[in-house]
Protein backbone atom coordinates (compact mmCIF):
# COMPACT_ATOMS: atom_id res chain seq x y z
CA UNK A 1 -15.95 39.17 29.14
CA UNK A 2 -17.74 36.21 30.10
CA UNK A 3 -16.67 32.39 28.39
CA UNK A 4 -19.72 30.04 28.96
CA UNK A 5 -18.14 27.05 29.76
CA UNK A 6 -19.57 23.39 28.47
CA UNK A 7 -18.85 20.03 30.07
CA UNK A 8 -20.12 16.45 28.75
CA UNK A 9 -21.19 13.94 30.85
CA UNK A 10 -21.25 10.79 31.34
CA UNK A 11 -24.51 10.05 32.84
CA UNK A 12 -24.43 6.54 33.11
CA UNK A 13 -21.32 6.24 35.22
CA UNK A 14 -20.67 5.96 38.45
CA UNK A 15 -22.03 3.62 41.36
CA UNK A 16 -25.30 4.50 41.36
CA UNK A 17 -25.57 6.09 37.21
CA UNK A 18 -28.28 8.11 36.53
CA UNK A 19 -30.64 8.47 39.62
CA UNK A 20 -26.97 10.74 41.11
CA UNK A 21 -25.62 12.02 37.65
CA UNK A 22 -28.67 13.76 36.19
CA UNK A 23 -30.41 15.42 39.46
CA UNK A 24 -26.44 16.74 40.32
CA UNK A 25 -26.26 18.09 36.84
CA UNK A 26 -29.47 19.99 37.39
CA UNK A 27 -28.26 21.35 41.20
CA UNK A 28 -25.57 22.64 39.44
CA UNK A 29 -26.70 24.06 36.19
CA UNK A 30 -28.92 26.28 38.79
CA UNK A 31 -25.58 27.43 40.26
CA UNK A 32 -23.87 28.22 37.70
CA UNK A 33 -25.62 29.93 34.87
CA UNK A 34 -22.45 30.31 32.25
CA UNK A 35 -22.39 26.50 32.60
CA UNK A 36 -23.41 24.35 29.42
CA UNK A 37 -23.93 20.29 30.11
CA UNK A 38 -24.12 17.53 27.64
CA UNK A 39 -25.11 14.53 29.40
CA UNK A 40 -24.54 11.37 27.35
CA UNK A 41 -26.64 8.30 28.46
CA UNK A 42 -30.28 6.44 27.40
CA UNK A 43 -32.14 9.51 26.20
CA UNK A 44 -35.15 8.30 27.20
CA UNK A 45 -34.53 7.55 30.62
CA UNK A 46 -32.65 10.61 31.23
CA UNK A 47 -35.56 12.37 30.60
CA UNK A 48 -37.84 10.67 32.61
CA UNK A 49 -35.51 11.68 35.56
CA UNK A 50 -35.70 15.25 34.81
CA UNK A 51 -39.49 16.54 35.02
CA UNK A 52 -39.95 20.15 34.35
CA UNK A 53 -37.17 22.39 33.76
CA UNK A 54 -36.94 25.01 35.36
CA UNK A 55 -36.60 28.62 33.47
CA UNK A 56 -33.34 28.78 31.54
CA UNK A 57 -32.27 25.83 32.61
CA UNK A 58 -33.80 23.43 29.60
CA UNK A 59 -31.78 25.60 27.37
CA UNK A 60 -28.26 24.91 29.00
CA UNK A 61 -28.83 21.34 28.87
CA UNK A 62 -28.29 19.20 25.71
CA UNK A 63 -28.74 14.60 26.02
CA UNK A 64 -26.84 12.95 23.54
CA UNK A 65 -27.94 9.67 23.42
């Protein structure tokens, strides 16, 4: 039996903030199909960095303002 994993990430944190955390989050979602991410930060800013999400990724990503 496979269980989905959920991780919340402070997208605003780190030395380079969203410029690093948002692209890295997309990369990891593509690599791990059982992972769900909850990015916490300024939603409009995160949306500008996301662009068009690949099929199967959008359903596993939640933006929390």
